[in-house]
C-alpha atoms as a PDB file:
ATOM      1  CA  UNK A   1      13.562  18.741   9.502  1.00  0.00           C
ATOM      2  CA  UNK A   2      11.157  16.853  11.779  1.00  0.00           C
ATOM      3  CA  UNK A   3       8.809  14.473  10.009  1.00  0.00           C
ATOM      4  CA  UNK A   4       5.664  12.945  11.498  1.00  0.00           C
ATOM      5  CA  UNK A   5       4.727   9.533  10.098  1.00  0.00           C
ATOM      6  CA  UNK A   6       1.210   8.106  10.368  1.00  0.00           C
ATOM      7  CA  UNK A   7       1.348   4.559  11.780  1.00  0.00           C
ATOM      8  CA  UNK A   8      -1.304   2.369  10.208  1.00  0.00           C
ATOM      9  CA  UNK A   9      -2.543  -0.358  12.566  1.00  0.00           C
ATOM     10  CA  UNK A  10      -5.571  -2.244  13.873  1.00  0.00           C
ATOM     11  CA  UNK A  11      -4.955  -1.330  17.553  1.00  0.00           C
ATOM     12  CA  UNK A  12      -2.932  -4.500  18.078  1.00  0.00           C
ATOM     13  CA  UNK A  13      -0.516  -4.889  15.153  1.00  0.00           C
ATOM     14  CA  UNK A  14       1.216  -2.433  12.842  1.00  0.00           C
ATOM     15  CA  UNK A  15       0.801  -2.601   9.047  1.00  0.00           C
ATOM     16  CA  UNK A  16       3.935  -3.231   6.949  1.00  0.00           C
ATOM     17  CA  UNK A  17       3.165  -0.147   4.859  1.00  0.00           C
ATOM     18  CA  UNK A  18       4.342   1.974   7.789  1.00  0.00           C
ATOM     19  CA  UNK A  19       7.898   0.647   7.448  1.00  0.00           C
ATOM     20  CA  UNK A  20       8.253   1.950   3.885  1.00  0.00           C
ATOM     21  CA  UNK A  21       6.886   5.333   4.992  1.00  0.00           C
ATOM     22  CA  UNK A  22       9.540   5.460   7.737  1.00  0.00           C
ATOM     23  CA  UNK A  23      12.279   4.851   5.157  1.00  0.00           C
ATOM     24  CA  UNK A  24      10.971   7.721   3.033  1.00  0.00           C
ATOM     25  CA  UNK A  25      10.685  10.016   6.057  1.00  0.00           C
ATOM     26  CA  UNK A  26      14.235   9.220   7.178  1.00  0.00           C
ATOM     27  CA  UNK A  27      15.512  10.848   3.983  1.00  0.00           C
ATOM     28  CA  UNK A  28      14.005  14.144   5.158  1.00  0.00           C
ATOM     29  CA  UNK A  29      15.504  14.194   8.654  1.00  0.00           C
ATOM     30  CA  UNK A  30      14.383  13.280  12.169  1.00  0.00           C
ATOM     31  CA  UNK A  31      11.541  10.747  12.221  1.00  0.00           C
ATOM     32  CA  UNK A  32       8.654  10.846  14.703  1.00  0.00           C
ATOM     33  CA  UNK A  33       5.703   8.460  14.564  1.00  0.00           C
ATOM     34  CA  UNK A  34       2.065   9.017  15.446  1.00  0.00           C
ATOM     35  CA  UNK A  35       0.045   6.110  16.845  1.00  0.00           C
ATOM     36  CA  UNK A  36      -3.608   7.100  17.209  1.00  0.00           C
ATOM     37  CA  UNK A  37      -6.089   4.488  18.376  1.00  0.00           C
ATOM     38  CA  UNK A  38      -7.789   2.953  21.376  1.00  0.00           C
ATOM     39  CA  UNK A  39      -5.985   0.496  23.627  1.00  0.00           C
ATOM     40  CA  UNK A  40      -3.022   0.606  21.266  1.00  0.00           C
ATOM     41  CA  UNK A  41      -0.059   0.912  23.641  1.00  0.00           C
ATOM     42  CA  UNK A  42       1.407  -2.342  22.249  1.00  0.00           C
ATOM     43  CA  UNK A  43       1.501  -0.782  18.773  1.00  0.00           C
ATOM     44  CA  UNK A  44       3.341   2.273  20.096  1.00  0.00           C
ATOM     45  CA  UNK A  45       5.892   0.067  21.892  1.00  0.00           C
ATOM     46  CA  UNK A  46       6.474  -1.927  18.690  1.00  0.00           C
ATOM     47  CA  UNK A  47       6.747   1.276  16.638  1.00  0.00           C
ATOM     48  CA  UNK A  48       9.417   2.614  19.011  1.00  0.00           C
ATOM     49  CA  UNK A  49      11.626  -0.344  18.066  1.00  0.00           C
ATOM     50  CA  UNK A  50      11.703   0.544  14.359  1.00  0.00           C
ATOM     51  CA  UNK A  51      15.232   1.450  13.307  1.00  0.00           C
ATOM     52  CA  UNK A  52      15.743   5.181  12.879  1.00  0.00           C
ATOM     53  CA  UNK A  53      12.725   6.342  14.885  1.00  0.00           C
ATOM     54  CA  UNK A  54      13.370   9.066  17.462  1.00  0.00           C
ATOM     55  CA  UNK A  55      10.007   9.470  19.163  1.00  0.00           C
ATOM     56  CA  UNK A  56       6.538   7.913  19.091  1.00  0.00           C
ATOM     57  CA  UNK A  57       3.532  10.106  19.889  1.00  0.00           C
ATOM     58  CA  UNK A  58       0.717   8.005  21.341  1.00  0.00           C
ATOM     59  CA  UNK A  59      -2.845   9.348  21.219  1.00  0.00           C
ATOM     60  CA  UNK A  60      -5.041   6.780  22.977  1.00  0.00           C
ATOM     61  CA  UNK A  61      -8.714   7.724  22.832  1.00  0.00           C
ATOM     62  CA  UNK A  62     -11.924   5.892  21.819  1.00  0.00           C
ATOM     63  CA  UNK A  63     -12.467   8.545  19.135  1.00  0.00           C
ATOM     64  CA  UNK A  64      -9.417   7.238  17.252  1.00  0.00           C
ATOM     65  CA  UNK A  65     -10.249   3.521  17.501  1.00  0.00           C
ATOM     66  CA  UNK A  66     -11.290   3.088  13.858  1.00  0.00           C
ATOM     67  CA  UNK A  67      -9.069   5.833  12.398  1.00  0.00           C
ATOM     68  CA  UNK A  68     -11.991   7.915  11.193  1.00  0.00           C
ATOM     69  CA  UNK A  69     -10.237  10.623   9.151  1.00  0.00           C
ATOM     70  CA  UNK A  70     -12.606  13.334  10.415  1.00  0.00           C
ATOM     71  CA  UNK A  71     -11.274  12.644  13.917  1.00  0.00           C
ATOM     72  CA  UNK A  72      -7.589  11.921  13.327  1.00  0.00           C
ATOM     73  CA  UNK A  73      -6.886  14.684  10.770  1.00  0.00           C
ATOM     74  CA  UNK A  74      -7.409  17.496  13.335  1.00  0.00           C
ATOM     75  CA  UNK A  75      -5.106  15.625  15.738  1.00  0.00           C
ATOM     76  CA  UNK A  76      -2.393  15.423  13.086  1.00  0.00           C
ATOM     77  CA  UNK A  77      -2.838  19.058  12.085  1.00  0.00           C
ATOM     78  CA  UNK A  78      -2.464  19.983  15.762  1.00  0.00           C
ATOM     79  CA  UNK A  79       0.844  18.088  15.936  1.00  0.00           C
ATOM     80  CA  UNK A  80       2.148  19.785  12.804  1.00  0.00           C
ATOM     81  CA  UNK A  81       2.934  22.846  14.863  1.00  0.00           C
ATOM     82  CA  UNK A  82       6.012  20.878  15.999  1.00  0.00           C
ATOM     83  CA  UNK A  83       6.816  19.124  12.710  1.00  0.00           C
ATOM     84  CA  UNK A  84       7.837  20.183   9.231  1.00  0.00           C
ATOM     85  CA  UNK A  85       6.377  17.304   7.223  1.00  0.00           C
ATOM     86  CA  UNK A  86       3.629  14.702   7.496  1.00  0.00           C
ATOM     87  CA  UNK A  87       4.093  11.354   5.761  1.00  0.00           C
ATOM     88  CA  UNK A  88       1.493   8.618   5.313  1.00  0.00           C
ATOM     89  CA  UNK A  89       1.620   5.385   3.331  1.00  0.00           C
ATOM     90  CA  UNK A  90      -0.452   5.563   0.132  1.00  0.00           C
ATOM     91  CA  UNK A  91      -2.938   2.986   1.401  1.00  0.00           C
ATOM     92  CA  UNK A  92      -6.703   3.362   1.564  1.00  0.00           C
ATOM     93  CA  UNK A  93      -6.462   4.819   5.057  1.00  0.00           C
ATOM     94  CA  UNK A  94      -3.448   7.009   4.311  1.00  0.00           C
ATOM     95  CA  UNK A  95      -5.125   8.449   1.216  1.00  0.00           C
ATOM     96  CA  UNK A  96      -8.214   9.147   3.321  1.00  0.00           C
ATOM     97  CA  UNK A  97      -6.359  11.012   6.067  1.00  0.00           C
ATOM     98  CA  UNK A  98      -3.609  12.962   4.260  1.00  0.00           C
ATOM     99  CA  UNK A  99      -5.800  15.216   2.049  1.00  0.00           C
ATOM    100  CA  UNK A 100      -7.776  16.329   5.098  1.00  0.00           C
ATOM    101  CA  UNK A 101      -4.538  17.185   6.894  1.00  0.00           C
ATOM    102  CA  UNK A 102      -3.365  19.189   3.858  1.00  0.00           C
ATOM    103  CA  UNK A 103      -6.680  21.055   3.774  1.00  0.00           C
ATOM    104  CA  UNK A 104      -6.493  21.915   7.474  1.00  0.00           C
ATOM    105  CA  UNK A 105      -2.929  23.183   7.000  1.00  0.00           C
ATOM    106  CA  UNK A 106      -3.891  24.967   3.759  1.00  0.00           C
ATOM    107  CA  UNK A 107      -1.032  23.378   1.810  1.00  0.00           C
ATOM    108  CA  UNK A 108      -0.801  21.297  -1.360  1.00  0.00           C
ATOM    109  CA  UNK A 109      -0.298  17.571  -0.918  1.00  0.00           C
ATOM    110  CA  UNK A 110       2.243  15.598  -2.971  1.00  0.00           C
ATOM    111  CA  UNK A 111       0.822  12.130  -3.559  1.00  0.00           C
ATOM    112  CA  UNK A 112       2.347   8.708  -4.149  1.00  0.00           C
ATOM    113  CA  UNK A 113       6.004   9.732  -4.062  1.00  0.00           C
ATOM    114  CA  UNK A 114       8.576   7.334  -5.510  1.00  0.00           C
ATOM    115  CA  UNK A 115      11.764   8.999  -4.264  1.00  0.00           C
ATOM    116  CA  UNK A 116      13.103  11.877  -2.202  1.00  0.00           C
ATOM    117  CA  UNK A 117      15.420  14.045  -4.298  1.00  0.00           C
ATOM    118  CA  UNK A 118      15.883  16.891  -1.798  1.00  0.00           C
ATOM    119  CA  UNK A 119      14.326  18.543   1.243  1.00  0.00           C
ATOM    120  CA  UNK A 120      11.313  19.591  -0.821  1.00  0.00           C
ATOM    121  CA  UNK A 121      11.845  17.763  -4.107  1.00  0.00           C
ATOM    122  CA  UNK A 122      10.235  14.430  -4.941  1.00  0.00           C
ATOM    123  CA  UNK A 123       9.340  12.174  -7.854  1.00  0.00           C
ATOM    124  CA  UNK A 124       5.878  10.754  -8.422  1.00  0.00           C
ATOM    125  CA  UNK A 125       4.149   8.838 -11.241  1.00  0.00           C
ATOM    126  CA  UNK A 126       1.752  10.480 -13.687  1.00  0.00           C
ATOM    127  CA  UNK A 127      -0.236   9.104 -16.633  1.00  0.00           C
ATOM    128  CA  UNK A 128      -0.664   5.715 -14.917  1.00  0.00           C
ATOM    129  CA  UNK A 129       3.084   5.462 -14.367  1.00  0.00           C
ATOM    130  CA  UNK A 130       4.058   6.083 -17.989  1.00  0.00           C
ATOM    131  CA  UNK A 131       5.917   9.227 -16.944  1.00  0.00           C
ATOM    132  CA  UNK A 132       7.667  10.240 -13.740  1.00  0.00           C
ATOM    133  CA  UNK A 133       7.302  13.860 -12.632  1.00  0.00           C
ATOM    134  CA  UNK A 134       9.838  15.664 -10.467  1.00  0.00           C
ATOM    135  CA  UNK A 135       7.955  17.966  -8.107  1.00  0.00           C
ATOM    136  CA  UNK A 136       9.339  20.729  -5.892  1.00  0.00           C
ATOM    137  CA  UNK A 137       7.193  22.135  -3.103  1.00  0.00           C
ATOM    138  CA  UNK A 138       7.204  25.759  -1.974  1.00  0.00           C
ATOM    139  CA  UNK A 139       5.042  25.104   1.102  1.00  0.00           C
ATOM    140  CA  UNK A 140       6.260  25.676   4.659  1.00  0.00           C
ATOM    141  CA  UNK A 141       4.729  22.345   5.702  1.00  0.00           C
ATOM    142  CA  UNK A 142       4.859  19.172   3.600  1.00  0.00           C
ATOM    143  CA  UNK A 143       2.092  16.594   3.336  1.00  0.00           C
ATOM    144  CA  UNK A 144       3.171  13.451   1.472  1.00  0.00           C
ATOM    145  CA  UNK A 145       1.851   9.987   0.717  1.00  0.00           C
ATOM    146  CA  UNK A 146       4.390   7.277  -0.074  1.00  0.00           C
ATOM    147  CA  UNK A 147       4.120   4.420  -2.559  1.00  0.00           C
ATOM    148  CA  UNK A 148       5.206   1.506  -0.398  1.00  0.00           C
ATOM    149  CA  UNK A 149       6.667  -0.545  -3.240  1.00  0.00           C
ATOM    150  CA  UNK A 150       9.138   2.239  -4.110  1.00  0.00           C
ATOM    151  CA  UNK A 151      10.997   2.224  -0.770  1.00  0.00           C
ATOM    152  CA  UNK A 152      12.735  -0.500   1.208  1.00  0.00           C
ATOM    153  CA  UNK A 153      11.060  -1.351   4.489  1.00  0.00           C
ATOM    154  CA  UNK A 154      12.756  -0.029   7.620  1.00  0.00           C
ATOM    155  CA  UNK A 155      13.998  -2.674  10.035  1.00  0.00           C
ATOM    156  CA  UNK A 156      11.231  -3.372  12.583  1.00  0.00           C
ATOM    157  CA  UNK A 157      13.801  -4.065  15.305  1.00  0.00           C
ATOM    158  CA  UNK A 158      16.896  -2.265  16.528  1.00  0.00           C
ATOM    159  CA  UNK A 159      15.497   1.173  17.260  1.00  0.00           C
ATOM    160  CA  UNK A 160      15.321   2.854  20.666  1.00  0.00           C
ATOM    161  CA  UNK A 161      12.611   5.466  20.289  1.00  0.00           C
ATOM    162  CA  UNK A 162      10.706   6.854  23.245  1.00  0.00           C
ATOM    163  CA  UNK A 163       6.909   6.819  23.621  1.00  0.00           C
ATOM    164  CA  UNK A 164       5.236  10.087  24.566  1.00  0.00           C
ATOM    165  CA  UNK A 165       1.519  10.285  25.316  1.00  0.00           C
ATOM    166  CA  UNK A 166      -0.311  13.191  23.708  1.00  0.00           C
ATOM    167  CA  UNK A 167      -3.860  14.464  23.476  1.00  0.00           C
ATOM    168  CA  UNK A 168      -5.701  16.675  21.050  1.00  0.00           C
ATOM    169  CA  UNK A 169      -9.051  17.158  19.355  1.00  0.00           C
ATOM    170  CA  UNK A 170     -11.125  14.006  19.876  1.00  0.00           C
ATOM    171  CA  UNK A 171     -14.542  13.202  18.417  1.00  0.00           C
ATOM    172  CA  UNK A 172     -15.451  15.777  15.767  1.00  0.00           C
ATOM    173  CA  UNK A 173     -19.037  14.532  15.853  1.00  0.00           C
ATOM    174  CA  UNK A 174     -19.453  14.532  12.064  1.00  0.00           C
ATOM    175  CA  UNK A 175     -18.957  10.819  11.354  1.00  0.00           C
ATOM    176  CA  UNK A 176     -19.368   7.567  13.230  1.00  0.00           C
ATOM    177  CA  UNK A 177     -18.215   3.993  12.807  1.00  0.00           C
ATOM    178  CA  UNK A 178     -21.043   1.604  11.928  1.00  0.00           C
ATOM    179  CA  UNK A 179     -19.520  -1.753  10.990  1.00  0.00           C
ATOM    180  CA  UNK A 180     -16.860  -3.456   8.918  1.00  0.00           C
ATOM    181  CA  UNK A 181     -16.671  -6.714   7.020  1.00  0.00           C
ATOM    182  CA  UNK A 182     -13.143  -8.029   6.696  1.00  0.00           C
ATOM    183  CA  UNK A 183     -12.400 -10.880   4.312  1.00  0.00           C
ATOM    184  CA  UNK A 184     -10.369 -13.517   6.138  1.00  0.00           C
ATOM    185  CA  UNK A 185      -7.880 -15.641   4.259  1.00  0.00           C
ATOM    186  CA  UNK A 186      -4.984 -17.937   5.042  1.00  0.00           C
ATOM    187  CA  UNK A 187      -3.172 -16.521   2.035  1.00  0.00           C
ATOM    188  CA  UNK A 188      -0.656 -13.678   2.315  1.00  0.00           C
ATOM    189  CA  UNK A 189      -2.117 -10.192   1.835  1.00  0.00           C
ATOM    190  CA  UNK A 190      -1.452  -8.918  -1.683  1.00  0.00           C
ATOM    191  CA  UNK A 191       0.681  -5.922  -0.774  1.00  0.00           C
ATOM    192  CA  UNK A 192       3.034  -8.076   1.342  1.00  0.00           C
ATOM    193  CA  UNK A 193       2.989 -11.352  -0.658  1.00  0.00           C
ATOM    194  CA  UNK A 194       6.308 -12.490  -2.157  1.00  0.00           C
ATOM    195  CA  UNK A 195       4.554 -14.416  -4.926  1.00  0.00           C
ATOM    196  CA  UNK A 196       1.278 -13.431  -6.598  1.00  0.00           C
ATOM    197  CA  UNK A 197      -0.746 -15.401  -9.125  1.00  0.00           C
ATOM    198  CA  UNK A 198      -3.223 -13.183 -10.996  1.00  0.00           C
ATOM    199  CA  UNK A 199      -5.990 -14.082 -13.399  1.00  0.00           C
ATOM    200  CA  UNK A 200      -7.783 -12.063 -16.057  1.00  0.00           C
ATOM    201  CA  UNK A 201     -11.023 -11.994 -17.997  1.00  0.00           C
ATOM    202  CA  UNK A 202      -9.937 -14.999 -20.115  1.00  0.00           C
ATOM    203  CA  UNK A 203     -10.849 -17.282 -17.196  1.00  0.00           C
ATOM    204  CA  UNK A 204     -14.562 -17.011 -18.140  1.00  0.00           C
ATOM    205  CA  UNK A 205     -16.231 -17.247 -14.695  1.00  0.00           C
ATOM    206  CA  UNK A 206     -15.601 -17.593 -10.953  1.00  0.00           C
ATOM    207  CA  UNK A 207     -15.623 -21.413 -11.041  1.00  0.00           C
ATOM    208  CA  UNK A 208     -13.006 -21.518 -13.804  1.00  0.00           C
ATOM    209  CA  UNK A 209     -10.912 -18.862 -12.032  1.00  0.00           C
ATOM    210  CA  UNK A 210     -10.895 -20.979  -8.867  1.00  0.00           C
ATOM    211  CA  UNK A 211     -10.204 -24.183 -10.788  1.00  0.00           C
ATOM    212  CA  UNK A 212      -7.201 -22.776 -12.684  1.00  0.00           C
ATOM    213  CA  UNK A 213      -5.651 -20.180 -10.360  1.00  0.00           C
ATOM    214  CA  UNK A 214      -6.155 -21.576  -6.847  1.00  0.00           C
ATOM    215  CA  UNK A 215      -4.213 -24.881  -7.223  1.00  0.00           C
ATOM    216  CA  UNK A 216      -1.195 -23.044  -8.649  1.00  0.00           C
ATOM    217  CA  UNK A 217      -1.326 -20.445  -5.865  1.00  0.00           C
ATOM    218  CA  UNK A 218      -1.594 -23.248  -3.286  1.00  0.00           C
ATOM    219  CA  UNK A 219       1.511 -24.962  -4.668  1.00  0.00           C
ATOM    220  CA  UNK A 220       3.482 -21.699  -4.544  1.00  0.00           C
ATOM    221  CA  UNK A 221       2.093 -20.379  -1.249  1.00  0.00           C
ATOM    222  CA  UNK A 222       1.089 -17.296  -3.218  1.00  0.00           C
ATOM    223  CA  UNK A 223      -1.424 -14.510  -2.905  1.00  0.00           C
ATOM    224  CA  UNK A 224      -4.177 -14.359  -5.521  1.00  0.00           C
ATOM    225  CA  UNK A 225      -4.798 -11.258  -7.589  1.00  0.00           C
ATOM    226  CA  UNK A 226      -6.934 -10.309 -10.553  1.00  0.00           C
ATOM    227  CA  UNK A 227      -7.311  -7.711 -13.265  1.00  0.00           C
ATOM    228  CA  UNK A 228     -10.103  -5.167 -13.050  1.00  0.00           C
ATOM    229  CA  UNK A 229     -11.899  -6.930 -15.901  1.00  0.00           C
ATOM    230  CA  UNK A 230     -12.013 -10.145 -13.847  1.00  0.00           C
ATOM    231  CA  UNK A 231     -13.248  -8.281 -10.778  1.00  0.00           C
ATOM    232  CA  UNK A 232     -15.896  -6.345 -12.728  1.00  0.00           C
ATOM    233  CA  UNK A 233     -17.094  -9.611 -14.271  1.00  0.00           C
ATOM    234  CA  UNK A 234     -17.643 -10.993 -10.775  1.00  0.00           C
ATOM    235  CA  UNK A 235     -15.007 -13.735 -10.851  1.00  0.00           C
ATOM    236  CA  UNK A 236     -13.445 -12.589  -7.553  1.00  0.00           C
ATOM    237  CA  UNK A 237     -14.029  -9.924  -4.852  1.00  0.00           C
ATOM    238  CA  UNK A 238     -12.802  -6.327  -5.163  1.00  0.00           C
ATOM    239  CA  UNK A 239      -9.935  -6.822  -2.710  1.00  0.00           C
ATOM    240  CA  UNK A 240      -8.219  -9.103  -5.266  1.00  0.00           C
ATOM    241  CA  UNK A 241      -7.840  -6.290  -7.793  1.00  0.00           C
ATOM    242  CA  UNK A 242      -4.329  -5.263  -8.837  1.00  0.00           C
ATOM    243  CA  UNK A 243      -3.852  -2.066 -10.800  1.00  0.00           C
ATOM    244  CA  UNK A 244      -4.230   1.673 -10.901  1.00  0.00           C
ATOM    245  CA  UNK A 245      -7.652   1.501  -9.211  1.00  0.00           C
ATOM    246  CA  UNK A 246      -6.737  -1.545  -7.128  1.00  0.00           C
ATOM    247  CA  UNK A 247      -3.656  -2.512  -5.144  1.00  0.00           C
ATOM    248  CA  UNK A 248      -0.084  -1.569  -6.049  1.00  0.00           C
ATOM    249  CA  UNK A 249       2.143  -4.615  -5.583  1.00  0.00           C
ATOM    250  CA  UNK A 250       5.812  -5.472  -6.096  1.00  0.00           C
ATOM    251  CA  UNK A 251       6.350  -9.132  -5.205  1.00  0.00           C
ATOM    252  CA  UNK A 252       9.413 -11.213  -5.986  1.00  0.00           C
ATOM    253  CA  UNK A 253       7.381 -13.102  -8.604  1.00  0.00           C
ATOM    254  CA  UNK A 254       4.179 -11.997 -10.365  1.00  0.00           C
ATOM    255  CA  UNK A 255       2.429 -14.539 -12.572  1.00  0.00           C
ATOM    256  CA  UNK A 256      -0.137 -13.006 -14.930  1.00  0.00           C
ATOM    257  CA  UNK A 257      -2.506 -15.599 -16.413  1.00  0.00           C
ATOM    258  CA  UNK A 258      -4.925 -14.603 -19.147  1.00  0.00           C
ATOM    259  CA  UNK A 259      -4.240 -10.906 -18.547  1.00  0.00           C
ATOM    260  CA  UNK A 260      -3.757  -8.795 -21.674  1.00  0.00           C
ATOM    261  CA  UNK A 261      -1.801  -6.079 -19.852  1.00  0.00           C
ATOM    262  CA  UNK A 262      -3.902  -2.927 -20.057  1.00  0.00           C
ATOM    263  CA  UNK A 263      -2.025   0.166 -18.875  1.00  0.00           C
ATOM    264  CA  UNK A 264      -4.174   0.384 -15.738  1.00  0.00           C
ATOM    265  CA  UNK A 265      -3.139  -3.125 -14.684  1.00  0.00           C
ATOM    266  CA  UNK A 266       0.532  -2.606 -15.501  1.00  0.00           C
ATOM    267  CA  UNK A 267       0.555   0.474 -13.258  1.00  0.00           C
ATOM    268  CA  UNK A 268      -0.130  -1.798 -10.290  1.00  0.00           C
ATOM    269  CA  UNK A 269       2.416  -4.559 -10.863  1.00  0.00           C
ATOM    270  CA  UNK A 270       5.221  -3.503 -13.204  1.00  0.00           C
ATOM    271  CA  UNK A 271       7.633  -2.972 -10.273  1.00  0.00           C
ATOM    272  CA  UNK A 272       7.538  -6.723  -9.535  1.00  0.00           C
ATOM    273  CA  UNK A 273      11.007  -8.279  -9.502  1.00  0.00           C
ATOM    274  CA  UNK A 274      10.135 -11.056 -11.975  1.00  0.00           C
ATOM    275  CA  UNK A 275       7.022 -11.001 -14.173  1.00  0.00           C
ATOM    276  CA  UNK A 276       5.799 -14.214 -15.803  1.00  0.00           C
ATOM    277  CA  UNK A 277       2.995 -13.966 -18.360  1.00  0.00           C
ATOM    278  CA  UNK A 278       0.860 -16.740 -19.870  1.00  0.00           C
ATOM    279  CA  UNK A 279      -1.392 -15.641 -22.732  1.00  0.00           C
ATOM    280  CA  UNK A 280      -2.394 -17.134 -26.072  1.00  0.00           C
ATOM    281  CA  UNK A 281      -2.143 -13.728 -27.804  1.00  0.00           C
ATOM    282  CA  UNK A 282       1.496 -13.178 -28.689  1.00  0.00           C
ATOM    283  CA  UNK A 283       0.797  -9.460 -29.253  1.00  0.00           C
ATOM    284  CA  UNK A 284      -0.646  -8.909 -25.772  1.00  0.00           C
ATOM    285  CA  UNK A 285       0.894  -5.805 -24.103  1.00  0.00           C
ATOM    286  CA  UNK A 286       1.741  -7.862 -20.993  1.00  0.00           C
ATOM    287  CA  UNK A 287       4.653  -9.427 -22.908  1.00  0.00           C
ATOM    288  CA  UNK A 288       6.310  -6.010 -23.211  1.00  0.00           C
ATOM    289  CA  UNK A 289       6.945  -5.931 -19.437  1.00  0.00           C
ATOM    290  CA  UNK A 290       7.245  -9.676 -18.785  1.00  0.00           C
ATOM    291  CA  UNK A 291      10.624 -11.189 -17.953  1.00  0.00           C
ATOM    292  CA  UNK A 292       9.323 -14.614 -18.997  1.00  0.00           C
ATOM    293  CA  UNK A 293       6.492 -15.011 -21.494  1.00  0.00           C
ATOM    294  CA  UNK A 294       4.655 -18.149 -22.549  1.00  0.00           C
ATOM    295  CA  UNK A 295       2.367 -17.972 -25.581  1.00  0.00           C
ATOM    296  CA  UNK A 296      -0.002 -20.830 -24.855  1.00  0.00           C
ATOM    297  CA  UNK A 297      -3.558 -21.828 -24.022  1.00  0.00           C
ATOM    298  CA  UNK A 298      -3.816 -21.201 -20.274  1.00  0.00           C
ATOM    299  CA  UNK A 299      -6.292 -24.090 -19.899  1.00  0.00           C
ATOM    300  CA  UNK A 300      -3.548 -26.505 -20.899  1.00  0.00           C
ATOM    301  CA  UNK A 301      -0.408 -24.709 -19.720  1.00  0.00           C
ATOM    302  CA  UNK A 302      -1.433 -23.773 -16.168  1.00  0.00           C
ATOM    303  CA  UNK A 303      -2.702 -27.211 -15.037  1.00  0.00           C
ATOM    304  CA  UNK A 304       0.476 -28.748 -16.522  1.00  0.00           C
ATOM    305  CA  UNK A 305       2.631 -26.221 -14.665  1.00  0.00           C
ATOM    306  CA  UNK A 306       0.738 -26.879 -11.437  1.00  0.00           C
ATOM    307  CA  UNK A 307       1.154 -30.639 -11.827  1.00  0.00           C
ATOM    308  CA  UNK A 308       4.920 -30.361 -12.296  1.00  0.00           C
ATOM    309  CA  UNK A 309       5.555 -28.150  -9.288  1.00  0.00           C
END
């Protein structure tokens, strides 16, 4: 089986999410990558070095510069004449592109897979991760998105893939790129951070959130996350949100401060290696998944913890 993997990138560097998608694809058979962008040859060369990759298809055209799904989906569908499966990481971009590819191929997509059980059999979460479904496809072509935290990342070095330039449908003329505003931070991005410190609604307001959470995160060199309640209350921007409707993370250490542990939040972080919870409510659901729990007033406990680090 030949599998085509969507390489997520910014035309200069490749996103880590691609490496987990490569691992998932390798369980299906031969792995080919697709790099679509503008002036992105360096990305294709880097992708060719990923362990286990056989070939990299490079589509370099201004129409693909911003990965508009209306433009790249027809390109991918065109390439599926030579491939049996299409795999994309379950990121914002991957979840934007894959359904359009499935529609063009007239097949059913299998989303957010957690494991590969056979050539056409996979597991995926349902009911916010409270149950795991085993799904078998009967389609001739597979379209899959991969939960990055469920698979080990492929080695970025050691491969010897070849780069092949391709062309296909370019500008579909039905959408255009206007602008983007990217939040810049010296902190590690949430989905790749090894340590995450998250705050919840108990932190009252944005000033308190910054006063309590930021010093601890600085001491640990951690990324900062938040529950949806904290984001909705305006304490922090949307890109801090961890959970079912936010980012799915699995760091080495996840510290949940003032977070009750609603099912939607747990769905985004329960795969973390070690979960530490600080909450004054000893019956908070977060303690059911925490490896270490501290029942205490966060306004006293967290500054004391920060001081002792």
